Amino acid sequence: MIASKSTRGTHKKIGLVVLGAMAALLAGCATGPVVRTRTALGANLVGAHTFAYVKRPGTDTGPYSSLTTQRLERDVTQQMQARGYSLAPAGERPDLLVDFRITRHDHLEGGGIAPMYAAGYWGPYGWGWGWPYGAGWGWGGGCCWGGYNDVRTVTTAALTITVINAPDRMAIWSGTTAAEVTSRVMDHPDVALDRAVTEIFAHYPVPRAQ
């Protein structure tokens, strides 16, 4: 059977779309995670020699060192020592202090507003709002319309590592990276933390010692 000219044209368009999607996917993988950094004017990270951790980092919500804090201290200690810094002995004043903070953010992803019947008020779903029976079920003004078509709640977690000048307790550098909180991340949190710390320190102003 010989395909018609229109059929061949359609197949060609589909092939171009598929190739374009594959190229976009590969490009996204190649760019890697986004890391944002800030450095204070006049910061002297090269002249520092010792570091320690703040007494109560942002990753501790109770009167104890959380498992997350312990893992981050382990990872950051390795990264700092690889750059020539030494962990200050207990009781000795360090040149630098390090703090951690993890923030979570929920947002809706997807598209389409699907008509539905409901005995109540339905309308646009907003930032951080959702009907108790599922992500994307919004409420507000209007009636008999709702949004649930392929809409899901996505949670992202951002890790920020802040380096502080110990003498005046002023932040001099920070790095932040974020990732979607998936079941895999929840099942293997240490792996996710290790990767995030490595990604952030890849942008640290002082390179690893050769």
C-alpha atoms as a PDB file:
ATOM      1  CA  MET A   1       0.000   0.000   0.000  1.00  0.00           C
ATOM      2  CA  ILE A   2       1.436   3.372  -0.995  1.00  0.00           C
ATOM      3  CA  ALA A   3       0.963   6.128   1.529  1.00  0.00           C
ATOM      4  CA  SER A   4      -0.613   9.309   0.276  1.00  0.00           C
ATOM      5  CA  LYS A   5       1.274  12.576   0.228  1.00  0.00           C
ATOM      6  CA  SER A   6      -0.775  13.925   3.154  1.00  0.00           C
ATOM      7  CA  THR A   7      -0.083  10.783   5.211  1.00  0.00           C
ATOM      8  CA  ARG A   8       3.645  11.025   4.536  1.00  0.00           C
ATOM      9  CA  GLY A   9       3.540  14.669   5.551  1.00  0.00           C
ATOM     10  CA  THR A  10       1.771  13.836   8.782  1.00  0.00           C
ATOM     11  CA  HIS A  11       4.302  11.133   9.628  1.00  0.00           C
ATOM     12  CA  LYS A  12       7.124  13.537   8.900  1.00  0.00           C
ATOM     13  CA  LYS A  13       5.644  16.135  11.232  1.00  0.00           C
ATOM     14  CA  ILE A  14       5.210  13.548  13.978  1.00  0.00           C
ATOM     15  CA  GLY A  15       8.816  12.446  13.533  1.00  0.00           C
ATOM     16  CA  LEU A  16      10.039  16.022  13.822  1.00  0.00           C
ATOM     17  CA  VAL A  17       8.008  16.539  16.987  1.00  0.00           C
ATOM     18  CA  VAL A  18       9.444  13.364  18.526  1.00  0.00           C
ATOM     19  CA  LEU A  19      12.996  14.354  17.604  1.00  0.00           C
ATOM     20  CA  GLY A  20      12.423  17.818  19.016  1.00  0.00           C
ATOM     21  CA  ALA A  21      11.133  16.386  22.275  1.00  0.00           C
ATOM     22  CA  MET A  22      14.125  14.049  22.546  1.00  0.00           C
ATOM     23  CA  ALA A  23      16.532  16.897  21.881  1.00  0.00           C
ATOM     24  CA  ALA A  24      14.879  19.027  24.558  1.00  0.00           C
ATOM     25  CA  LEU A  25      15.066  16.175  27.029  1.00  0.00           C
ATOM     26  CA  LEU A  26      18.750  15.571  26.353  1.00  0.00           C
ATOM     27  CA  ALA A  27      19.469  19.265  26.596  1.00  0.00           C
ATOM     28  CA  GLY A  28      17.721  19.406  29.949  1.00  0.00           C
ATOM     29  CA  CYS A  29      19.785  16.491  31.228  1.00  0.00           C
ATOM     30  CA  ALA A  30      22.972  18.076  29.971  1.00  0.00           C
ATOM     31  CA  THR A  31      22.405  21.353  31.795  1.00  0.00           C
ATOM     32  CA  GLY A  32      22.216  19.622  35.171  1.00  0.00           C
ATOM     33  CA  PRO A  33      20.722  21.005  38.364  1.00  0.00           C
ATOM     34  CA  VAL A  34      20.403  24.736  38.945  1.00  0.00           C
ATOM     35  CA  VAL A  35      22.589  26.124  41.738  1.00  0.00           C
ATOM     36  CA  ARG A  36      22.268  29.739  42.804  1.00  0.00           C
ATOM     37  CA  THR A  37      25.018  31.392  44.819  1.00  0.00           C
ATOM     38  CA  ARG A  38      25.639  34.747  46.452  1.00  0.00           C
ATOM     39  CA  THR A  39      28.924  36.191  47.682  1.00  0.00           C
ATOM     40  CA  ALA A  40      29.275  39.191  49.976  1.00  0.00           C
ATOM     41  CA  LEU A  41      31.306  42.132  48.757  1.00  0.00           C
ATOM     42  CA  GLY A  42      34.856  41.848  50.065  1.00  0.00           C
ATOM     43  CA  ALA A  43      34.417  38.279  51.302  1.00  0.00           C
ATOM     44  CA  ASN A  44      37.732  36.591  52.068  1.00  0.00           C
ATOM     45  CA  LEU A  45      37.137  32.875  51.759  1.00  0.00           C
ATOM     46  CA  VAL A  46      40.683  32.141  50.635  1.00  0.00           C
ATOM     47  CA  GLY A  47      42.286  33.686  53.739  1.00  0.00           C
ATOM     48  CA  ALA A  48      40.250  31.558  56.156  1.00  0.00           C
ATOM     49  CA  HIS A  49      41.747  28.366  57.571  1.00  0.00           C
ATOM     50  CA  THR A  50      39.332  26.831  60.077  1.00  0.00           C
ATOM     51  CA  PHE A  51      35.577  26.283  60.233  1.00  0.00           C
ATOM     52  CA  ALA A  52      32.868  24.995  62.539  1.00  0.00           C
ATOM     53  CA  TYR A  53      29.083  24.705  62.537  1.00  0.00           C
ATOM     54  CA  VAL A  54      26.575  27.035  64.141  1.00  0.00           C
ATOM     55  CA  LYS A  55      25.190  25.761  67.435  1.00  0.00           C
ATOM     56  CA  ARG A  56      21.670  25.311  66.092  1.00  0.00           C
ATOM     57  CA  PRO A  57      21.463  25.073  62.282  1.00  0.00           C
ATOM     58  CA  GLY A  58      18.223  25.604  60.417  1.00  0.00           C
ATOM     59  CA  THR A  59      17.850  21.855  59.921  1.00  0.00           C
ATOM     60  CA  ASP A  60      17.365  21.316  63.672  1.00  0.00           C
ATOM     61  CA  THR A  61      13.845  21.910  64.947  1.00  0.00           C
ATOM     62  CA  GLY A  62      14.331  20.272  68.345  1.00  0.00           C
ATOM     63  CA  PRO A  63      16.933  20.383  71.138  1.00  0.00           C
ATOM     64  CA  TYR A  64      19.106  17.791  69.401  1.00  0.00           C
ATOM     65  CA  SER A  65      21.121  17.262  66.242  1.00  0.00           C
ATOM     66  CA  SER A  66      18.820  15.789  63.610  1.00  0.00           C
ATOM     67  CA  LEU A  67      19.839  12.987  61.266  1.00  0.00           C
ATOM     68  CA  THR A  68      19.693  15.503  58.409  1.00  0.00           C
ATOM     69  CA  THR A  69      22.093  17.834  60.215  1.00  0.00           C
ATOM     70  CA  GLN A  70      24.484  15.001  60.981  1.00  0.00           C
ATOM     71  CA  ARG A  71      24.560  13.939  57.332  1.00  0.00           C
ATOM     72  CA  LEU A  72      25.056  17.495  56.099  1.00  0.00           C
ATOM     73  CA  GLU A  73      27.899  18.082  58.559  1.00  0.00           C
ATOM     74  CA  ARG A  74      29.580  14.908  57.327  1.00  0.00           C
ATOM     75  CA  ASP A  75      29.262  15.929  53.673  1.00  0.00           C
ATOM     76  CA  VAL A  76      30.240  19.570  54.168  1.00  0.00           C
ATOM     77  CA  THR A  77      33.237  18.632  56.313  1.00  0.00           C
ATOM     78  CA  GLN A  78      34.535  16.514  53.440  1.00  0.00           C
ATOM     79  CA  GLN A  79      34.002  19.353  50.961  1.00  0.00           C
ATOM     80  CA  MET A  80      35.644  21.975  53.183  1.00  0.00           C
ATOM     81  CA  GLN A  81      38.632  19.789  54.035  1.00  0.00           C
ATOM     82  CA  ALA A  82      39.124  19.050  50.330  1.00  0.00           C
ATOM     83  CA  ARG A  83      39.536  22.815  49.903  1.00  0.00           C
ATOM     84  CA  GLY A  84      42.216  23.152  52.572  1.00  0.00           C
ATOM     85  CA  TYR A  85      40.084  24.131  55.577  1.00  0.00           C
ATOM     86  CA  SER A  86      40.426  22.391  58.943  1.00  0.00           C
ATOM     87  CA  LEU A  87      37.630  21.654  61.387  1.00  0.00           C
ATOM     88  CA  ALA A  88      38.300  23.815  64.438  1.00  0.00           C
ATOM     89  CA  PRO A  89      38.824  21.876  67.677  1.00  0.00           C
ATOM     90  CA  ALA A  90      36.172  22.254  70.366  1.00  0.00           C
ATOM     91  CA  GLY A  91      36.663  25.490  72.296  1.00  0.00           C
ATOM     92  CA  GLU A  92      38.730  27.127  69.556  1.00  0.00           C
ATOM     93  CA  ARG A  93      37.296  30.079  67.670  1.00  0.00           C
ATOM     94  CA  PRO A  94      37.012  29.238  63.937  1.00  0.00           C
ATOM     95  CA  ASP A  95      37.431  31.588  61.014  1.00  0.00           C
ATOM     96  CA  LEU A  96      34.181  30.446  59.412  1.00  0.00           C
ATOM     97  CA  LEU A  97      30.829  29.086  60.554  1.00  0.00           C
ATOM     98  CA  VAL A  98      28.497  26.974  58.414  1.00  0.00           C
ATOM     99  CA  ASP A  99      24.710  26.831  58.593  1.00  0.00           C
ATOM    100  CA  PHE A 100      22.116  24.728  56.737  1.00  0.00           C
ATOM    101  CA  ARG A 101      18.489  25.330  55.902  1.00  0.00           C
ATOM    102  CA  ILE A 102      15.934  23.251  54.013  1.00  0.00           C
ATOM    103  CA  THR A 103      12.722  24.852  52.784  1.00  0.00           C
ATOM    104  CA  ARG A 104       9.755  23.120  51.174  1.00  0.00           C
ATOM    105  CA  HIS A 105       7.355  24.558  48.636  1.00  0.00           C
ATOM    106  CA  ASP A 106       4.161  23.098  47.149  1.00  0.00           C
ATOM    107  CA  HIS A 107       2.788  24.137  43.778  1.00  0.00           C
ATOM    108  CA  LEU A 108       0.375  22.793  41.182  1.00  0.00           C
ATOM    109  CA  GLU A 109       1.493  21.462  37.820  1.00  0.00           C
ATOM    110  CA  GLY A 110      -0.554  20.382  34.846  1.00  0.00           C
ATOM    111  CA  GLY A 111      -3.114  22.007  32.633  1.00  0.00           C
ATOM    112  CA  GLY A 112      -6.699  22.157  31.647  1.00  0.00           C
ATOM    113  CA  ILE A 113      -9.889  23.050  33.407  1.00  0.00           C
ATOM    114  CA  ALA A 114     -12.360  20.187  33.146  1.00  0.00           C
ATOM    115  CA  PRO A 115     -16.082  20.855  33.545  1.00  0.00           C
ATOM    116  CA  MET A 116     -17.775  18.969  36.334  1.00  0.00           C
ATOM    117  CA  TYR A 117     -20.929  19.098  38.364  1.00  0.00           C
ATOM    118  CA  ALA A 118     -20.669  19.779  42.061  1.00  0.00           C
ATOM    119  CA  ALA A 119     -23.053  20.846  44.757  1.00  0.00           C
ATOM    120  CA  GLY A 120     -20.901  23.687  45.922  1.00  0.00           C
ATOM    121  CA  TYR A 121     -18.621  26.443  44.797  1.00  0.00           C
ATOM    122  CA  TRP A 122     -15.826  25.689  42.382  1.00  0.00           C
ATOM    123  CA  GLY A 123     -13.389  27.932  40.648  1.00  0.00           C
ATOM    124  CA  PRO A 124      -9.735  28.635  40.008  1.00  0.00           C
ATOM    125  CA  TYR A 125      -7.278  26.754  42.177  1.00  0.00           C
ATOM    126  CA  GLY A 126      -4.705  28.988  43.778  1.00  0.00           C
ATOM    127  CA  TRP A 127      -1.205  28.780  45.086  1.00  0.00           C
ATOM    128  CA  GLY A 128      -1.059  26.400  47.995  1.00  0.00           C
ATOM    129  CA  TRP A 129      -4.822  25.778  48.085  1.00  0.00           C
ATOM    130  CA  GLY A 130      -6.506  22.463  47.365  1.00  0.00           C
ATOM    131  CA  TRP A 131      -9.667  20.548  47.993  1.00  0.00           C
ATOM    132  CA  PRO A 132      -9.195  17.890  50.702  1.00  0.00           C
ATOM    133  CA  TYR A 133      -9.991  15.023  48.330  1.00  0.00           C
ATOM    134  CA  GLY A 134      -7.179  15.495  45.865  1.00  0.00           C
ATOM    135  CA  ALA A 135      -4.539  17.818  44.501  1.00  0.00           C
ATOM    136  CA  GLY A 136      -5.811  20.441  42.121  1.00  0.00           C
ATOM    137  CA  TRP A 137      -9.407  20.518  43.321  1.00  0.00           C
ATOM    138  CA  GLY A 138      -9.799  24.222  43.831  1.00  0.00           C
ATOM    139  CA  TRP A 139     -12.533  26.247  45.413  1.00  0.00           C
ATOM    140  CA  GLY A 140     -13.674  29.839  45.190  1.00  0.00           C
ATOM    141  CA  GLY A 141     -16.246  31.854  43.352  1.00  0.00           C
ATOM    142  CA  GLY A 142     -18.420  30.283  40.662  1.00  0.00           C
ATOM    143  CA  CYS A 143     -20.353  27.054  40.361  1.00  0.00           C
ATOM    144  CA  CYS A 144     -20.246  23.763  38.552  1.00  0.00           C
ATOM    145  CA  TRP A 145     -16.710  24.136  37.170  1.00  0.00           C
ATOM    146  CA  GLY A 146     -13.571  22.672  38.592  1.00  0.00           C
ATOM    147  CA  GLY A 147      -9.959  22.051  37.750  1.00  0.00           C
ATOM    148  CA  TYR A 148      -8.541  18.550  38.027  1.00  0.00           C
ATOM    149  CA  ASN A 149      -7.465  17.596  34.523  1.00  0.00           C
ATOM    150  CA  ASP A 150      -3.915  16.202  34.868  1.00  0.00           C
ATOM    151  CA  VAL A 151      -3.170  18.575  37.725  1.00  0.00           C
ATOM    152  CA  ARG A 152      -0.964  17.391  40.564  1.00  0.00           C
ATOM    153  CA  THR A 153       0.666  18.885  43.616  1.00  0.00           C
ATOM    154  CA  VAL A 154       4.448  18.976  43.343  1.00  0.00           C
ATOM    155  CA  THR A 155       6.635  19.469  46.404  1.00  0.00           C
ATOM    156  CA  THR A 156      10.135  20.845  45.959  1.00  0.00           C
ATOM    157  CA  ALA A 157      12.785  21.078  48.656  1.00  0.00           C
ATOM    158  CA  ALA A 158      15.620  23.591  48.541  1.00  0.00           C
ATOM    159  CA  LEU A 159      18.868  23.165  50.443  1.00  0.00           C
ATOM    160  CA  THR A 160      20.815  26.312  51.303  1.00  0.00           C
ATOM    161  CA  ILE A 161      24.328  26.198  52.739  1.00  0.00           C
ATOM    162  CA  THR A 162      25.537  29.470  54.230  1.00  0.00           C
ATOM    163  CA  VAL A 163      29.137  30.286  55.129  1.00  0.00           C
ATOM    164  CA  ILE A 164      29.535  32.939  57.828  1.00  0.00           C
ATOM    165  CA  ASN A 165      32.498  35.063  58.845  1.00  0.00           C
ATOM    166  CA  ALA A 166      32.835  33.982  62.492  1.00  0.00           C
ATOM    167  CA  PRO A 167      34.354  37.169  64.029  1.00  0.00           C
ATOM    168  CA  ASP A 168      31.460  39.461  63.003  1.00  0.00           C
ATOM    169  CA  ARG A 169      28.869  36.696  62.317  1.00  0.00           C
ATOM    170  CA  MET A 170      28.079  38.088  58.859  1.00  0.00           C
ATOM    171  CA  ALA A 171      27.121  35.763  56.010  1.00  0.00           C
ATOM    172  CA  ILE A 172      29.696  35.920  53.237  1.00  0.00           C
ATOM    173  CA  TRP A 173      28.598  33.121  50.860  1.00  0.00           C
ATOM    174  CA  SER A 174      25.562  30.952  50.231  1.00  0.00           C
ATOM    175  CA  GLY A 175      24.603  28.296  47.723  1.00  0.00           C
ATOM    176  CA  THR A 176      21.155  26.872  47.050  1.00  0.00           C
ATOM    177  CA  THR A 177      19.853  24.008  44.942  1.00  0.00           C
ATOM    178  CA  ALA A 178      16.353  22.547  44.746  1.00  0.00           C
ATOM    179  CA  ALA A 179      14.808  19.252  43.677  1.00  0.00           C
ATOM    180  CA  GLU A 180      11.394  17.663  43.501  1.00  0.00           C
ATOM    181  CA  VAL A 181      10.554  15.540  46.531  1.00  0.00           C
ATOM    182  CA  THR A 182       9.792  12.146  45.000  1.00  0.00           C
ATOM    183  CA  SER A 183       9.260   8.767  46.609  1.00  0.00           C
ATOM    184  CA  ARG A 184      12.821   7.872  45.652  1.00  0.00           C
ATOM    185  CA  VAL A 185      14.146  10.912  47.497  1.00  0.00           C
ATOM    186  CA  MET A 186      12.051  10.029  50.537  1.00  0.00           C
ATOM    187  CA  ASP A 187      13.313   6.431  50.463  1.00  0.00           C
ATOM    188  CA  HIS A 188      16.971   7.463  50.091  1.00  0.00           C
ATOM    189  CA  PRO A 189      17.357  10.875  51.790  1.00  0.00           C
ATOM    190  CA  ASP A 190      21.092  10.526  52.418  1.00  0.00           C
ATOM    191  CA  VAL A 191      21.779   9.990  48.715  1.00  0.00           C
ATOM    192  CA  ALA A 192      19.768  13.113  47.873  1.00  0.00           C
ATOM    193  CA  LEU A 193      21.624  15.160  50.504  1.00  0.00           C
ATOM    194  CA  ASP A 194      25.024  13.918  49.303  1.00  0.00           C
ATOM    195  CA  ARG A 195      24.191  14.917  45.741  1.00  0.00           C
ATOM    196  CA  ALA A 196      22.858  18.336  46.743  1.00  0.00           C
ATOM    197  CA  VAL A 197      25.974  19.188  48.774  1.00  0.00           C
ATOM    198  CA  THR A 198      28.237  18.115  45.914  1.00  0.00           C
ATOM    199  CA  GLU A 199      26.256  20.239  43.458  1.00  0.00           C
ATOM    200  CA  ILE A 200      26.425  23.314  45.684  1.00  0.00           C
ATOM    201  CA  PHE A 201      30.154  23.053  46.406  1.00  0.00           C
ATOM    202  CA  ALA A 202      30.909  22.687  42.713  1.00  0.00           C
ATOM    203  CA  HIS A 203      30.212  26.470  42.697  1.00  0.00           C
ATOM    204  CA  TYR A 204      32.181  27.334  45.840  1.00  0.00           C
ATOM    205  CA  PRO A 205      34.728  30.127  45.189  1.00  0.00           C
ATOM    206  CA  VAL A 206      37.641  28.091  46.585  1.00  0.00           C
ATOM    207  CA  PRO A 207      38.393  25.054  44.384  1.00  0.00           C
ATOM    208  CA  ARG A 208      39.304  21.601  45.662  1.00  0.00           C
ATOM    209  CA  ALA A 209      43.006  21.068  46.307  1.00  0.00           C
ATOM    210  CA  GLN A 210      44.721  19.165  43.515  1.00  0.00           C
END
